[in-house]
């Protein structure tokens, strides 16, 4: 596994320490899986609020996945409102109103 794959793997389990090691080893916080999901998508869709906050602190690009879902959409879809709200608040503070919806 390369650093980006390691980052994606640990994002889906909310493992901040391992994600930090992957970043230190050269992983890109904006890396994407085959479904165009970023680490933020993966952490958000599983409700790992601490991991979502950690990723947001790195100011990631917030994009839609291959199915047209933004990270906050996936969090809402799976019932993780606190994670979705964290992302929306981050977007608001960054002035990215179009993505906050």
PDB file of N, CA and C in Angstrom:
ATOM      1  N   UNK A   1       0.838  -1.186   0.000  1.00  0.00           N
ATOM      2  CA  UNK A   1       0.000   0.000   0.000  1.00  0.00           C
ATOM      3  C   UNK A   1       0.881   1.247   0.000  1.00  0.00           C
ATOM      4  N   UNK A   2       0.508   2.237  -0.813  1.00  0.00           N
ATOM      5  CA  UNK A   2       1.244   3.499  -0.758  1.00  0.00           C
ATOM      6  C   UNK A   2       0.636   4.402   0.328  1.00  0.00           C
ATOM      7  N   UNK A   3       1.260   5.552   0.573  1.00  0.00           N
ATOM      8  CA  UNK A   3       0.827   6.433   1.663  1.00  0.00           C
ATOM      9  C   UNK A   3      -0.616   6.893   1.501  1.00  0.00           C
ATOM     10  N   UNK A   4      -1.014   7.195   0.256  1.00  0.00           N
ATOM     11  CA  UNK A   4      -2.389   7.646   0.026  1.00  0.00           C
ATOM     12  C   UNK A   4      -3.390   6.536   0.331  1.00  0.00           C
ATOM     13  N   UNK A   5      -3.086   5.326  -0.045  1.00  0.00           N
ATOM     14  CA  UNK A   5      -3.970   4.196   0.252  1.00  0.00           C
ATOM     15  C   UNK A   5      -4.064   3.957   1.756  1.00  0.00           C
ATOM     16  N   UNK A   6      -2.942   4.120   2.441  1.00  0.00           N
ATOM     17  CA  UNK A   6      -2.925   3.976   3.898  1.00  0.00           C
ATOM     18  C   UNK A   6      -3.829   5.036   4.524  1.00  0.00           C
ATOM     19  N   UNK A   7      -3.715   6.272   4.052  1.00  0.00           N
ATOM     20  CA  UNK A   7      -4.549   7.360   4.569  1.00  0.00           C
ATOM     21  C   UNK A   7      -6.031   7.061   4.368  1.00  0.00           C
ATOM     22  N   UNK A   8      -6.397   6.637   3.183  1.00  0.00           N
ATOM     23  CA  UNK A   8      -7.792   6.305   2.900  1.00  0.00           C
ATOM     24  C   UNK A   8      -8.279   5.158   3.787  1.00  0.00           C
ATOM     25  N   UNK A   9      -7.442   4.161   3.950  1.00  0.00           N
ATOM     26  CA  UNK A   9      -7.805   3.004   4.770  1.00  0.00           C
ATOM     27  C   UNK A   9      -8.120   3.434   6.206  1.00  0.00           C
ATOM     28  N   UNK A  10      -7.221   4.199   6.805  1.00  0.00           N
ATOM     29  CA  UNK A  10      -7.414   4.587   8.198  1.00  0.00           C
ATOM     30  C   UNK A  10      -8.493   5.653   8.372  1.00  0.00           C
ATOM     31  N   UNK A  11      -8.754   6.459   7.338  1.00  0.00           N
ATOM     32  CA  UNK A  11      -9.838   7.446   7.422  1.00  0.00           C
ATOM     33  C   UNK A  11     -11.179   6.751   7.606  1.00  0.00           C
ATOM     34  N   UNK A  12     -11.370   5.621   6.941  1.00  0.00           N
ATOM     35  CA  UNK A  12     -12.663   4.938   7.058  1.00  0.00           C
ATOM     36  C   UNK A  12     -12.883   4.326   8.436  1.00  0.00           C
ATOM     37  N   UNK A  13     -11.828   4.262   9.248  1.00  0.00           N
ATOM     38  CA  UNK A  13     -11.941   3.751  10.613  1.00  0.00           C
ATOM     39  C   UNK A  13     -11.695   4.843  11.662  1.00  0.00           C
ATOM     40  N   UNK A  14     -11.505   6.085  11.198  1.00  0.00           N
ATOM     41  CA  UNK A  14     -11.337   7.201  12.118  1.00  0.00           C
ATOM     42  C   UNK A  14     -10.058   7.169  12.924  1.00  0.00           C
ATOM     43  N   UNK A  15      -9.020   6.547  12.426  1.00  0.00           N
ATOM     44  CA  UNK A  15      -7.758   6.371  13.150  1.00  0.00           C
ATOM     45  C   UNK A  15      -6.821   7.560  12.905  1.00  0.00           C
ATOM     46  N   UNK A  16      -6.931   8.557  13.748  1.00  0.00           N
ATOM     47  CA  UNK A  16      -6.193   9.802  13.559  1.00  0.00           C
ATOM     48  C   UNK A  16      -4.685   9.596  13.620  1.00  0.00           C
ATOM     49  N   UNK A  17      -4.190   8.831  14.580  1.00  0.00           N
ATOM     50  CA  UNK A  17      -2.739   8.635  14.697  1.00  0.00           C
ATOM     51  C   UNK A  17      -2.157   8.030  13.417  1.00  0.00           C
ATOM     52  N   UNK A  18      -2.839   7.042  12.874  1.00  0.00           N
ATOM     53  CA  UNK A  18      -2.355   6.402  11.663  1.00  0.00           C
ATOM     54  C   UNK A  18      -2.484   7.334  10.450  1.00  0.00           C
ATOM     55  N   UNK A  19      -3.555   8.127  10.420  1.00  0.00           N
ATOM     56  CA  UNK A  19      -3.691   9.106   9.336  1.00  0.00           C
ATOM     57  C   UNK A  19      -2.565  10.132   9.405  1.00  0.00           C
ATOM     58  N   UNK A  20      -2.238  10.570  10.612  1.00  0.00           N
ATOM     59  CA  UNK A  20      -1.157  11.544  10.784  1.00  0.00           C
ATOM     60  C   UNK A  20       0.173  10.968  10.301  1.00  0.00           C
ATOM     61  N   UNK A  21       0.412   9.700  10.597  1.00  0.00           N
ATOM     62  CA  UNK A  21       1.655   9.069  10.121  1.00  0.00           C
ATOM     63  C   UNK A  21       1.683   8.994   8.599  1.00  0.00           C
ATOM     64  N   UNK A  22       0.543   8.696   8.001  1.00  0.00           N
ATOM     65  CA  UNK A  22       0.483   8.636   6.534  1.00  0.00           C
ATOM     66  C   UNK A  22       0.765  10.016   5.932  1.00  0.00           C
ATOM     67  N   UNK A  23       0.207  11.064   6.534  1.00  0.00           N
ATOM     68  CA  UNK A  23       0.463  12.436   6.061  1.00  0.00           C
ATOM     69  C   UNK A  23       1.946  12.764   6.207  1.00  0.00           C
ATOM     70  N   UNK A  24       2.523  12.424   7.349  1.00  0.00           N
ATOM     71  CA  UNK A  24       3.951  12.679   7.574  1.00  0.00           C
ATOM     72  C   UNK A  24       4.813  11.936   6.561  1.00  0.00           C
ATOM     73  N   UNK A  25       4.332  10.783   6.101  1.00  0.00           N
ATOM     74  CA  UNK A  25       5.079   9.977   5.122  1.00  0.00           C
ATOM     75  C   UNK A  25       4.835  10.444   3.685  1.00  0.00           C
ATOM     76  N   UNK A  26       3.988  11.466   3.516  1.00  0.00           N
ATOM     77  CA  UNK A  26       3.799  12.034   2.183  1.00  0.00           C
ATOM     78  C   UNK A  26       2.429  11.876   1.564  1.00  0.00           C
ATOM     79  N   UNK A  27       1.463  11.343   2.309  1.00  0.00           N
ATOM     80  CA  UNK A  27       0.111  11.197   1.760  1.00  0.00           C
ATOM     81  C   UNK A  27      -0.518  12.573   1.553  1.00  0.00           C
ATOM     82  N   UNK A  28      -1.414  12.648   0.604  1.00  0.00           N
ATOM     83  CA  UNK A  28      -2.132  13.874   0.253  1.00  0.00           C
ATOM     84  C   UNK A  28      -3.511  13.834   0.904  1.00  0.00           C
ATOM     85  N   UNK A  29      -3.845  14.827   1.718  1.00  0.00           N
ATOM     86  CA  UNK A  29      -5.138  14.864   2.401  1.00  0.00           C
ATOM     87  C   UNK A  29      -6.289  14.888   1.399  1.00  0.00           C
ATOM     88  N   UNK A  30      -6.030  15.262   0.161  1.00  0.00           N
ATOM     89  CA  UNK A  30      -7.054  15.322  -0.877  1.00  0.00           C
ATOM     90  C   UNK A  30      -7.045  14.105  -1.807  1.00  0.00           C
ATOM     91  N   UNK A  31      -6.321  13.065  -1.424  1.00  0.00           N
ATOM     92  CA  UNK A  31      -6.282  11.863  -2.256  1.00  0.00           C
ATOM     93  C   UNK A  31      -7.693  11.297  -2.397  1.00  0.00           C
ATOM     94  N   UNK A  32      -7.914  10.529  -3.449  1.00  0.00           N
ATOM     95  CA  UNK A  32      -9.249   9.979  -3.705  1.00  0.00           C
ATOM     96  C   UNK A  32      -9.182   8.494  -3.994  1.00  0.00           C
ATOM     97  N   UNK A  33     -10.243   7.804  -3.612  1.00  0.00           N
ATOM     98  CA  UNK A  33     -10.341   6.376  -3.902  1.00  0.00           C
ATOM     99  C   UNK A  33     -10.995   6.192  -5.287  1.00  0.00           C
ATOM    100  N   UNK A  34     -11.201   4.965  -5.734  1.00  0.00           N
ATOM    101  CA  UNK A  34     -11.799   4.759  -7.058  1.00  0.00           C
ATOM    102  C   UNK A  34     -13.212   5.358  -7.207  1.00  0.00           C
ATOM    103  N   UNK A  35     -13.891   5.615  -6.103  1.00  0.00           N
ATOM    104  CA  UNK A  35     -15.218   6.245  -6.155  1.00  0.00           C
ATOM    105  C   UNK A  35     -15.128   7.760  -5.987  1.00  0.00           C
ATOM    106  N   UNK A  36     -13.924   8.302  -6.113  1.00  0.00           N
ATOM    107  CA  UNK A  36     -13.643   9.736  -5.986  1.00  0.00           C
ATOM    108  C   UNK A  36     -13.922  10.260  -4.577  1.00  0.00           C
ATOM    109  N   UNK A  37     -13.854   9.367  -3.588  1.00  0.00           N
ATOM    110  CA  UNK A  37     -14.055   9.780  -2.200  1.00  0.00           C
ATOM    111  C   UNK A  37     -12.719  10.111  -1.552  1.00  0.00           C
ATOM    112  N   UNK A  38     -12.731  11.185  -0.804  1.00  0.00           N
ATOM    113  CA  UNK A  38     -11.549  11.652  -0.087  1.00  0.00           C
ATOM    114  C   UNK A  38     -11.557  11.068   1.333  1.00  0.00           C
ATOM    115  N   UNK A  39     -10.472  11.250   2.070  1.00  0.00           N
ATOM    116  CA  UNK A  39     -10.491  10.839   3.474  1.00  0.00           C
ATOM    117  C   UNK A  39     -11.657  11.475   4.247  1.00  0.00           C
ATOM    118  N   UNK A  40     -12.009  12.706   3.892  1.00  0.00           N
ATOM    119  CA  UNK A  40     -13.128  13.368   4.566  1.00  0.00           C
ATOM    120  C   UNK A  40     -14.434  12.638   4.291  1.00  0.00           C
ATOM    121  N   UNK A  41     -14.666  12.231   3.062  1.00  0.00           N
ATOM    122  CA  UNK A  41     -15.863  11.433   2.761  1.00  0.00           C
ATOM    123  C   UNK A  41     -15.916  10.182   3.647  1.00  0.00           C
ATOM    124  N   UNK A  42     -14.810   9.472   3.703  1.00  0.00           N
ATOM    125  CA  UNK A  42     -14.771   8.188   4.394  1.00  0.00           C
ATOM    126  C   UNK A  42     -14.989   8.328   5.895  1.00  0.00           C
ATOM    127  N   UNK A  43     -14.368   9.332   6.499  1.00  0.00           N
ATOM    128  CA  UNK A  43     -14.558   9.555   7.936  1.00  0.00           C
ATOM    129  C   UNK A  43     -15.971  10.056   8.226  1.00  0.00           C
ATOM    130  N   UNK A  44     -16.479  10.945   7.380  1.00  0.00           N
ATOM    131  CA  UNK A  44     -17.804  11.529   7.605  1.00  0.00           C
ATOM    132  C   UNK A  44     -18.910  10.489   7.473  1.00  0.00           C
ATOM    133  N   UNK A  45     -18.799   9.620   6.483  1.00  0.00           N
ATOM    134  CA  UNK A  45     -19.884   8.662   6.246  1.00  0.00           C
ATOM    135  C   UNK A  45     -19.976   7.598   7.337  1.00  0.00           C
ATOM    136  N   UNK A  46     -18.927   7.528   8.164  1.00  0.00           N
ATOM    137  CA  UNK A  46     -18.959   6.573   9.278  1.00  0.00           C
ATOM    138  C   UNK A  46     -19.063   7.261  10.630  1.00  0.00           C
ATOM    139  N   UNK A  47     -19.212   8.578  10.592  1.00  0.00           N
ATOM    140  CA  UNK A  47     -19.493   9.319  11.815  1.00  0.00           C
ATOM    141  C   UNK A  47     -18.330   9.539  12.754  1.00  0.00           C
ATOM    142  N   UNK A  48     -17.117   9.478  12.251  1.00  0.00           N
ATOM    143  CA  UNK A  48     -15.949   9.691  13.111  1.00  0.00           C
ATOM    144  C   UNK A  48     -15.700  11.189  13.259  1.00  0.00           C
ATOM    145  N   UNK A  49     -16.435  11.793  14.185  1.00  0.00           N
ATOM    146  CA  UNK A  49     -16.416  13.237  14.354  1.00  0.00           C
ATOM    147  C   UNK A  49     -15.019  13.779  14.650  1.00  0.00           C
ATOM    148  N   UNK A  50     -14.248  13.111  15.493  1.00  0.00           N
ATOM    149  CA  UNK A  50     -12.891  13.570  15.791  1.00  0.00           C
ATOM    150  C   UNK A  50     -12.016  13.525  14.545  1.00  0.00           C
ATOM    151  N   UNK A  51     -12.159  12.479  13.754  1.00  0.00           N
ATOM    152  CA  UNK A  51     -11.380  12.359  12.520  1.00  0.00           C
ATOM    153  C   UNK A  51     -11.813  13.418  11.514  1.00  0.00           C
ATOM    154  N   UNK A  52     -13.116  13.672  11.440  1.00  0.00           N
ATOM    155  CA  UNK A  52     -13.618  14.728  10.549  1.00  0.00           C
ATOM    156  C   UNK A  52     -13.003  16.067  10.950  1.00  0.00           C
ATOM    157  N   UNK A  53     -13.012  16.377  12.234  1.00  0.00           N
ATOM    158  CA  UNK A  53     -12.435  17.638  12.721  1.00  0.00           C
ATOM    159  C   UNK A  53     -10.944  17.710  12.407  1.00  0.00           C
ATOM    160  N   UNK A  54     -10.236  16.604  12.588  1.00  0.00           N
ATOM    161  CA  UNK A  54      -8.798  16.563  12.308  1.00  0.00           C
ATOM    162  C   UNK A  54      -8.541  16.818  10.825  1.00  0.00           C
ATOM    163  N   UNK A  55      -9.293  16.176   9.966  1.00  0.00           N
ATOM    164  CA  UNK A  55      -9.132  16.372   8.521  1.00  0.00           C
ATOM    165  C   UNK A  55      -9.470  17.809   8.141  1.00  0.00           C
ATOM    166  N   UNK A  56     -10.555  18.349   8.681  1.00  0.00           N
ATOM    167  CA  UNK A  56     -10.941  19.726   8.366  1.00  0.00           C
ATOM    168  C   UNK A  56      -9.866  20.726   8.781  1.00  0.00           C
ATOM    169  N   UNK A  57      -9.149  20.431   9.851  1.00  0.00           N
ATOM    170  CA  UNK A  57      -8.066  21.318  10.297  1.00  0.00           C
ATOM    171  C   UNK A  57      -6.951  21.403   9.259  1.00  0.00           C
ATOM    172  N   UNK A  58      -6.902  20.433   8.366  1.00  0.00           N
ATOM    173  CA  UNK A  58      -5.890  20.431   7.304  1.00  0.00           C
ATOM    174  C   UNK A  58      -6.398  21.139   6.051  1.00  0.00           C
ATOM    175  N   UNK A  59      -7.584  21.735   6.139  1.00  0.00           N
ATOM    176  CA  UNK A  59      -8.201  22.512   5.068  1.00  0.00           C
ATOM    177  C   UNK A  59      -8.259  21.747   3.736  1.00  0.00           C
ATOM    178  N   UNK A  60      -8.957  20.618   3.744  1.00  0.00           N
ATOM    179  CA  UNK A  60      -9.040  19.821   2.520  1.00  0.00           C
ATOM    180  C   UNK A  60      -9.954  20.454   1.479  1.00  0.00           C
ATOM    181  N   UNK A  61      -9.795  20.020   0.252  1.00  0.00           N
ATOM    182  CA  UNK A  61     -10.734  20.387  -0.797  1.00  0.00           C
ATOM    183  C   UNK A  61     -11.985  19.547  -0.576  1.00  0.00           C
ATOM    184  N   UNK A  62     -13.139  20.172  -0.653  1.00  0.00           N
ATOM    185  CA  UNK A  62     -14.401  19.447  -0.454  1.00  0.00           C
ATOM    186  C   UNK A  62     -15.062  19.289  -1.820  1.00  0.00           C
ATOM    187  N   UNK A  63     -15.132  18.039  -2.257  1.00  0.00           N
ATOM    188  CA  UNK A  63     -15.624  17.726  -3.597  1.00  0.00           C
ATOM    189  C   UNK A  63     -16.731  16.675  -3.527  1.00  0.00           C
ATOM    190  N   UNK A  64     -17.425  16.513  -4.642  1.00  0.00           N
ATOM    191  CA  UNK A  64     -18.408  15.441  -4.760  1.00  0.00           C
ATOM    192  C   UNK A  64     -17.693  14.153  -5.140  1.00  0.00           C
ATOM    193  N   UNK A  65     -18.243  13.036  -4.671  1.00  0.00           N
ATOM    194  CA  UNK A  65     -17.699  11.743  -5.080  1.00  0.00           C
ATOM    195  C   UNK A  65     -18.270  11.371  -6.457  1.00  0.00           C
ATOM    196  N   UNK A  66     -17.992  10.186  -6.914  1.00  0.00           N
ATOM    197  CA  UNK A  66     -18.433   9.750  -8.241  1.00  0.00           C
ATOM    198  C   UNK A  66     -19.960   9.660  -8.344  1.00  0.00           C
ATOM    199  N   UNK A  67     -20.647   9.704  -7.214  1.00  0.00           N
ATOM    200  CA  UNK A  67     -22.104   9.580  -7.186  1.00  0.00           C
ATOM    201  C   UNK A  67     -22.786  10.917  -6.885  1.00  0.00           C
ATOM    202  N   UNK A  68     -22.002  11.987  -6.901  1.00  0.00           N
ATOM    203  CA  UNK A  68     -22.551  13.322  -6.662  1.00  0.00           C
ATOM    204  C   UNK A  68     -22.753  13.681  -5.207  1.00  0.00           C
ATOM    205  N   UNK A  69     -22.127  12.922  -4.300  1.00  0.00           N
ATOM    206  CA  UNK A  69     -22.290  13.154  -2.864  1.00  0.00           C
ATOM    207  C   UNK A  69     -21.084  13.888  -2.287  1.00  0.00           C
ATOM    208  N   UNK A  70     -21.360  14.952  -1.546  1.00  0.00           N
ATOM    209  CA  UNK A  70     -20.318  15.638  -0.795  1.00  0.00           C
ATOM    210  C   UNK A  70     -20.180  14.936   0.562  1.00  0.00           C
ATOM    211  N   UNK A  71     -19.071  15.154   1.257  1.00  0.00           N
ATOM    212  CA  UNK A  71     -18.891  14.484   2.552  1.00  0.00           C
ATOM    213  C   UNK A  71     -20.042  14.718   3.529  1.00  0.00           C
ATOM    214  N   UNK A  72     -20.541  15.943   3.586  1.00  0.00           N
ATOM    215  CA  UNK A  72     -21.641  16.235   4.508  1.00  0.00           C
ATOM    216  C   UNK A  72     -22.925  15.510   4.096  1.00  0.00           C
ATOM    217  N   UNK A  73     -23.108  15.281   2.798  1.00  0.00           N
ATOM    218  CA  UNK A  73     -24.275  14.524   2.339  1.00  0.00           C
ATOM    219  C   UNK A  73     -24.211  13.084   2.839  1.00  0.00           C
ATOM    220  N   UNK A  74     -23.028  12.491   2.737  1.00  0.00           N
ATOM    221  CA  UNK A  74     -22.860  11.105   3.196  1.00  0.00           C
ATOM    222  C   UNK A  74     -23.056  10.992   4.703  1.00  0.00           C
ATOM    223  N   UNK A  75     -22.557  11.978   5.442  1.00  0.00           N
ATOM    224  CA  UNK A  75     -22.743  11.963   6.892  1.00  0.00           C
ATOM    225  C   UNK A  75     -24.237  12.022   7.226  1.00  0.00           C
ATOM    226  N   UNK A  76     -24.961  12.913   6.576  1.00  0.00           N
ATOM    227  CA  UNK A  76     -26.409  13.011   6.796  1.00  0.00           C
ATOM    228  C   UNK A  76     -27.110  11.711   6.420  1.00  0.00           C
ATOM    229  N   UNK A  77     -26.754  11.171   5.275  1.00  0.00           N
ATOM    230  CA  UNK A  77     -27.385   9.949   4.775  1.00  0.00           C
ATOM    231  C   UNK A  77     -27.267   8.798   5.772  1.00  0.00           C
ATOM    232  N   UNK A  78     -26.130   8.746   6.464  1.00  0.00           N
ATOM    233  CA  UNK A  78     -25.885   7.662   7.410  1.00  0.00           C
ATOM    234  C   UNK A  78     -26.225   8.035   8.857  1.00  0.00           C
ATOM    235  N   UNK A  79     -26.848   9.203   9.039  1.00  0.00           N
ATOM    236  CA  UNK A  79     -27.314   9.590  10.370  1.00  0.00           C
ATOM    237  C   UNK A  79     -26.282  10.228  11.272  1.00  0.00           C
ATOM    238  N   UNK A  80     -25.210  10.747  10.713  1.00  0.00           N
ATOM    239  CA  UNK A  80     -24.148  11.358  11.518  1.00  0.00           C
ATOM    240  C   UNK A  80     -24.227  12.881  11.405  1.00  0.00           C
ATOM    241  N   UNK A  81     -25.283  13.438  11.969  1.00  0.00           N
ATOM    242  CA  UNK A  81     -25.553  14.877  11.850  1.00  0.00           C
ATOM    243  C   UNK A  81     -24.441  15.746  12.418  1.00  0.00           C
ATOM    244  N   UNK A  82     -23.823  15.321  13.510  1.00  0.00           N
ATOM    245  CA  UNK A  82     -22.750  16.130  14.111  1.00  0.00           C
ATOM    246  C   UNK A  82     -21.577  16.264  13.155  1.00  0.00           C
ATOM    247  N   UNK A  83     -21.227  15.192  12.465  1.00  0.00           N
ATOM    248  CA  UNK A  83     -20.137  15.255  11.485  1.00  0.00           C
ATOM    249  C   UNK A  83     -20.530  16.145  10.310  1.00  0.00           C
ATOM    250  N   UNK A  84     -21.760  15.998   9.838  1.00  0.00           N
ATOM    251  CA  UNK A  84     -22.246  16.836   8.726  1.00  0.00           C
ATOM    252  C   UNK A  84     -22.209  18.308   9.120  1.00  0.00           C
ATOM    253  N   UNK A  85     -22.635  18.607  10.336  1.00  0.00           N
ATOM    254  CA  UNK A  85     -22.644  19.998  10.790  1.00  0.00           C
ATOM    255  C   UNK A  85     -21.241  20.568  10.934  1.00  0.00           C
ATOM    256  N   UNK A  86     -20.289  19.750  11.368  1.00  0.00           N
ATOM    257  CA  UNK A  86     -18.893  20.204  11.439  1.00  0.00           C
ATOM    258  C   UNK A  86     -18.402  20.636  10.063  1.00  0.00           C
ATOM    259  N   UNK A  87     -18.716  19.835   9.066  1.00  0.00           N
ATOM    260  CA  UNK A  87     -18.276  20.142   7.700  1.00  0.00           C
ATOM    261  C   UNK A  87     -18.957  21.412   7.209  1.00  0.00           C
ATOM    262  N   UNK A  88     -20.249  21.525   7.428  1.00  0.00           N
ATOM    263  CA  UNK A  88     -20.974  22.729   6.990  1.00  0.00           C
ATOM    264  C   UNK A  88     -20.425  23.988   7.661  1.00  0.00           C
ATOM    265  N   UNK A  89     -20.122  23.891   8.950  1.00  0.00           N
ATOM    266  CA  UNK A  89     -19.569  25.043   9.664  1.00  0.00           C
ATOM    267  C   UNK A  89     -18.197  25.413   9.099  1.00  0.00           C
ATOM    268  N   UNK A  90     -17.387  24.411   8.805  1.00  0.00           N
ATOM    269  CA  UNK A  90     -16.076  24.668   8.207  1.00  0.00           C
ATOM    270  C   UNK A  90     -16.232  25.389   6.864  1.00  0.00           C
ATOM    271  N   UNK A  91     -17.162  24.920   6.059  1.00  0.00           N
ATOM    272  CA  UNK A  91     -17.401  25.534   4.745  1.00  0.00           C
ATOM    273  C   UNK A  91     -17.864  26.972   4.905  1.00  0.00           C
ATOM    274  N   UNK A  92     -18.771  27.201   5.837  1.00  0.00           N
ATOM    275  CA  UNK A  92     -19.263  28.574   6.086  1.00  0.00           C
ATOM    276  C   UNK A  92     -18.116  29.489   6.475  1.00  0.00           C
ATOM    277  N   UNK A  93     -17.284  29.020   7.401  1.00  0.00           N
ATOM    278  CA  UNK A  93     -16.176  29.851   7.875  1.00  0.00           C
ATOM    279  C   UNK A  93     -15.171  30.126   6.768  1.00  0.00           C
ATOM    280  N   UNK A  94     -15.068  29.183   5.838  1.00  0.00           N
ATOM    281  CA  UNK A  94     -14.142  29.368   4.719  1.00  0.00           C
ATOM    282  C   UNK A  94     -14.765  30.211   3.609  1.00  0.00           C
ATOM    283  N   UNK A  95     -16.054  30.514   3.757  1.00  0.00           N
ATOM    284  CA  UNK A  95     -16.727  31.333   2.749  1.00  0.00           C
ATOM    285  C   UNK A  95     -17.109  30.579   1.492  1.00  0.00           C
ATOM    286  N   UNK A  96     -17.310  29.284   1.616  1.00  0.00           N
ATOM    287  CA  UNK A  96     -17.663  28.457   0.458  1.00  0.00           C
ATOM    288  C   UNK A  96     -19.153  28.118   0.505  1.00  0.00           C
ATOM    289  N   UNK A  97     -19.995  29.110   0.427  1.00  0.00           N
ATOM    290  CA  UNK A  97     -21.437  28.937   0.646  1.00  0.00           C
ATOM    291  C   UNK A  97     -22.063  27.894  -0.284  1.00  0.00           C
ATOM    292  N   UNK A  98     -21.652  27.836  -1.519  1.00  0.00           N
ATOM    293  CA  UNK A  98     -22.265  26.904  -2.475  1.00  0.00           C
ATOM    294  C   UNK A  98     -22.108  25.447  -2.027  1.00  0.00           C
ATOM    295  N   UNK A  99     -21.029  25.137  -1.351  1.00  0.00           N
ATOM    296  CA  UNK A  99     -20.789  23.760  -0.910  1.00  0.00           C
ATOM    297  C   UNK A  99     -21.500  23.425   0.390  1.00  0.00           C
ATOM    298  N   UNK A 100     -21.938  24.414   1.128  1.00  0.00           N
ATOM    299  CA  UNK A 100     -22.517  24.183   2.450  1.00  0.00           C
ATOM    300  C   UNK A 100     -23.882  23.513   2.394  1.00  0.00           C
ATOM    301  N   UNK A 101     -24.557  23.622   1.304  1.00  0.00           N
ATOM    302  CA  UNK A 101     -25.929  23.068   1.189  1.00  0.00           C
ATOM    303  C   UNK A 101     -25.944  21.562   1.347  1.00  0.00           C
TER     304      UNK A 101
END
